[in-house]
């Protein structure tokens, strides 16, 4: 998804440490971890629902094509 190397991660960590301070950084990281987990769960649910809807649409399309072949149109 993102092309972030080790040096970029170290730079981000150092900046976070300088900006937030060592006292607040663990709490911030926990919060970010929770948010990332929720985002992943939401994406998984959305992906599942989308796949289900695509499958239903394909089934309806296939059922419609079967009816069309038997008809006079």
N, C-alpha and C. Protein backbone atom coordinates (compact mmCIF):
# COMPACT_ATOMS: atom_id res chain seq x y z
N UNK A 1 0.82 -1.17 0.00
CA UNK A 1 0.00 0.00 0.00
C UNK A 1 0.88 1.25 0.00
N UNK A 2 1.62 1.45 1.07
CA UNK A 2 2.56 2.55 1.12
C UNK A 2 3.95 1.99 0.99
N UNK A 3 4.78 2.68 0.25
CA UNK A 3 6.15 2.23 0.09
C UNK A 3 7.02 3.01 1.07
N UNK A 4 7.02 2.55 2.33
CA UNK A 4 7.76 3.22 3.39
C UNK A 4 8.87 2.29 3.83
N UNK A 5 10.08 2.78 3.76
CA UNK A 5 11.23 1.99 4.16
C UNK A 5 11.56 2.18 5.63
N UNK A 6 12.60 1.48 6.05
CA UNK A 6 13.00 1.53 7.45
C UNK A 6 13.45 2.93 7.86
N UNK A 7 14.19 3.60 7.00
CA UNK A 7 14.69 4.93 7.35
C UNK A 7 13.53 5.92 7.52
N UNK A 8 12.49 5.80 6.71
CA UNK A 8 11.34 6.67 6.86
C UNK A 8 10.61 6.40 8.17
N UNK A 9 10.50 5.12 8.54
CA UNK A 9 9.86 4.78 9.80
C UNK A 9 10.64 5.32 10.99
N UNK A 10 11.96 5.25 10.93
CA UNK A 10 12.79 5.79 12.00
C UNK A 10 12.60 7.30 12.10
N UNK A 11 12.57 7.98 10.98
CA UNK A 11 12.36 9.42 10.97
C UNK A 11 11.01 9.79 11.58
N UNK A 12 9.96 9.05 11.23
CA UNK A 12 8.64 9.29 11.79
C UNK A 12 8.64 9.06 13.29
N UNK A 13 9.30 8.00 13.73
CA UNK A 13 9.36 7.69 15.17
C UNK A 13 10.10 8.79 15.94
N UNK A 14 11.21 9.27 15.39
CA UNK A 14 11.97 10.33 16.05
C UNK A 14 11.14 11.61 16.11
N UNK A 15 10.47 11.96 15.03
CA UNK A 15 9.63 13.15 15.03
C UNK A 15 8.49 13.03 16.04
N UNK A 16 7.87 11.85 16.11
CA UNK A 16 6.79 11.64 17.07
C UNK A 16 7.31 11.76 18.50
N UNK A 17 8.49 11.24 18.75
CA UNK A 17 9.09 11.32 20.08
C UNK A 17 9.39 12.76 20.45
N UNK A 18 9.90 13.55 19.51
CA UNK A 18 10.22 14.95 19.77
C UNK A 18 8.94 15.76 19.97
N UNK A 19 7.95 15.54 19.12
CA UNK A 19 6.72 16.33 19.18
C UNK A 19 5.88 15.96 20.40
N UNK A 20 5.65 14.66 20.62
CA UNK A 20 4.74 14.23 21.69
C UNK A 20 5.45 14.10 23.03
N UNK A 21 6.71 13.80 23.01
CA UNK A 21 7.43 13.58 24.26
C UNK A 21 7.33 12.13 24.69
N UNK A 22 8.28 11.69 25.48
CA UNK A 22 8.31 10.27 25.87
C UNK A 22 7.17 9.87 26.81
N UNK A 23 6.56 10.83 27.50
CA UNK A 23 5.48 10.49 28.42
C UNK A 23 4.18 10.17 27.67
N UNK A 24 3.89 10.93 26.63
CA UNK A 24 2.62 10.79 25.92
C UNK A 24 2.70 9.82 24.74
N UNK A 25 3.89 9.50 24.28
CA UNK A 25 4.04 8.68 23.07
C UNK A 25 3.40 7.29 23.20
N UNK A 26 3.58 6.57 24.32
CA UNK A 26 2.93 5.25 24.40
C UNK A 26 1.40 5.31 24.28
N UNK A 27 0.79 6.30 24.89
CA UNK A 27 -0.66 6.46 24.79
C UNK A 27 -1.10 6.78 23.37
N UNK A 28 -0.33 7.61 22.71
CA UNK A 28 -0.64 7.96 21.32
C UNK A 28 -0.51 6.73 20.43
N UNK A 29 0.52 5.94 20.65
CA UNK A 29 0.71 4.73 19.84
C UNK A 29 -0.42 3.73 20.08
N UNK A 30 -0.86 3.59 21.34
CA UNK A 30 -1.99 2.70 21.63
C UNK A 30 -3.25 3.16 20.90
N UNK A 31 -3.50 4.46 20.94
CA UNK A 31 -4.67 5.00 20.25
C UNK A 31 -4.59 4.77 18.75
N UNK A 32 -3.42 5.01 18.18
CA UNK A 32 -3.24 4.77 16.74
C UNK A 32 -3.42 3.30 16.40
N UNK A 33 -2.94 2.43 17.27
CA UNK A 33 -3.12 0.99 17.05
C UNK A 33 -4.57 0.59 17.05
N UNK A 34 -5.33 1.14 18.02
CA UNK A 34 -6.77 0.85 18.06
C UNK A 34 -7.48 1.37 16.82
N UNK A 35 -7.14 2.59 16.42
CA UNK A 35 -7.77 3.16 15.21
C UNK A 35 -7.43 2.33 13.98
N UNK A 36 -6.18 1.88 13.88
CA UNK A 36 -5.80 1.05 12.74
C UNK A 36 -6.56 -0.27 12.75
N UNK A 37 -6.73 -0.85 13.92
CA UNK A 37 -7.50 -2.09 14.03
C UNK A 37 -8.95 -1.91 13.62
N UNK A 38 -9.54 -0.81 14.07
CA UNK A 38 -10.93 -0.53 13.68
C UNK A 38 -11.04 -0.30 12.18
N UNK A 39 -10.07 0.40 11.62
CA UNK A 39 -10.09 0.66 10.18
C UNK A 39 -9.98 -0.65 9.40
N UNK A 40 -9.10 -1.53 9.85
CA UNK A 40 -8.98 -2.83 9.17
C UNK A 40 -10.26 -3.63 9.26
N UNK A 41 -10.89 -3.62 10.43
CA UNK A 41 -12.15 -4.36 10.60
C UNK A 41 -13.24 -3.78 9.71
N UNK A 42 -13.30 -2.46 9.62
CA UNK A 42 -14.29 -1.81 8.77
C UNK A 42 -14.06 -2.16 7.31
N UNK A 43 -12.82 -2.14 6.88
CA UNK A 43 -12.50 -2.48 5.50
C UNK A 43 -12.86 -3.94 5.22
N UNK A 44 -12.61 -4.82 6.18
CA UNK A 44 -12.95 -6.23 5.98
C UNK A 44 -14.46 -6.41 5.83
N UNK A 45 -15.23 -5.71 6.66
CA UNK A 45 -16.69 -5.80 6.57
C UNK A 45 -17.17 -5.25 5.23
N UNK A 46 -16.65 -4.11 4.84
CA UNK A 46 -17.05 -3.52 3.56
C UNK A 46 -16.68 -4.42 2.39
N UNK A 47 -15.50 -5.03 2.44
CA UNK A 47 -15.08 -5.93 1.37
C UNK A 47 -16.02 -7.12 1.28
N UNK A 48 -16.37 -7.69 2.43
CA UNK A 48 -17.27 -8.84 2.45
C UNK A 48 -18.64 -8.47 1.89
N UNK A 49 -19.17 -7.32 2.30
CA UNK A 49 -20.47 -6.88 1.79
C UNK A 49 -20.42 -6.62 0.29
N UNK A 50 -19.36 -6.01 -0.17
CA UNK A 50 -19.21 -5.73 -1.60
C UNK A 50 -19.14 -7.03 -2.40
N UNK A 51 -18.37 -7.99 -1.92
CA UNK A 51 -18.27 -9.27 -2.62
C UNK A 51 -19.62 -9.98 -2.65
N UNK A 52 -20.35 -9.89 -1.54
CA UNK A 52 -21.67 -10.52 -1.48
C UNK A 52 -22.63 -9.87 -2.48
N UNK A 53 -22.60 -8.55 -2.57
CA UNK A 53 -23.48 -7.84 -3.50
C UNK A 53 -23.11 -8.14 -4.95
N UNK A 54 -21.82 -8.22 -5.24
CA UNK A 54 -21.39 -8.57 -6.60
C UNK A 54 -21.87 -9.96 -6.95
N UNK A 55 -21.75 -10.89 -6.00
CA UNK A 55 -22.21 -12.25 -6.25
C UNK A 55 -23.72 -12.29 -6.49
N UNK A 56 -24.49 -11.53 -5.71
CA UNK A 56 -25.94 -11.48 -5.91
C UNK A 56 -26.28 -10.88 -7.27
N UNK A 57 -25.56 -9.84 -7.66
CA UNK A 57 -25.82 -9.22 -8.96
C UNK A 57 -25.52 -10.19 -10.09
N UNK A 58 -24.44 -10.96 -9.95
CA UNK A 58 -24.11 -11.95 -10.98
C UNK A 58 -25.17 -13.03 -11.05
N UNK A 59 -25.69 -13.45 -9.88
CA UNK A 59 -26.73 -14.47 -9.86
C UNK A 59 -28.01 -13.95 -10.52
N UNK A 60 -28.35 -12.68 -10.22
CA UNK A 60 -29.54 -12.10 -10.86
C UNK A 60 -29.35 -11.99 -12.36
N UNK A 61 -28.14 -11.60 -12.77
CA UNK A 61 -27.85 -11.48 -14.20
C UNK A 61 -27.95 -12.85 -14.87
N UNK A 62 -27.38 -13.87 -14.24
CA UNK A 62 -27.45 -15.22 -14.80
C UNK A 62 -28.89 -15.72 -14.85
N UNK A 63 -29.65 -15.42 -13.82
CA UNK A 63 -31.06 -15.85 -13.81
C UNK A 63 -31.84 -15.11 -14.89
N UNK A 64 -31.54 -13.87 -15.11
CA UNK A 64 -32.21 -13.09 -16.16
C UNK A 64 -31.86 -13.58 -17.54
N UNK A 65 -30.63 -13.98 -17.75
CA UNK A 65 -30.21 -14.50 -19.06
C UNK A 65 -30.89 -15.84 -19.34
N UNK A 66 -31.06 -16.65 -18.30
CA UNK A 66 -31.74 -17.94 -18.49
C UNK A 66 -33.18 -17.75 -18.89
N UNK A 67 -33.86 -16.75 -18.31
CA UNK A 67 -35.25 -16.48 -18.65
C UNK A 67 -35.35 -15.95 -20.08
N UNK A 68 -34.40 -15.14 -20.49
CA UNK A 68 -34.42 -14.53 -21.82
C UNK A 68 -34.26 -15.58 -22.92
N UNK A 69 -33.48 -16.59 -22.68
CA UNK A 69 -33.26 -17.63 -23.68
C UNK A 69 -34.52 -18.45 -23.91
N UNK A 70 -35.29 -18.66 -22.85
CA UNK A 70 -36.49 -19.46 -22.98
C UNK A 70 -37.65 -18.68 -23.58
N UNK A 71 -37.58 -17.37 -23.51
CA UNK A 71 -38.68 -16.54 -24.01
C UNK A 71 -38.60 -16.38 -25.52
N UNK A 72 -39.51 -15.57 -26.04
CA UNK A 72 -39.54 -15.37 -27.47
C UNK A 72 -38.82 -14.08 -27.87
N UNK A 73 -38.03 -13.49 -26.96
CA UNK A 73 -37.39 -12.22 -27.26
C UNK A 73 -35.98 -12.36 -27.45
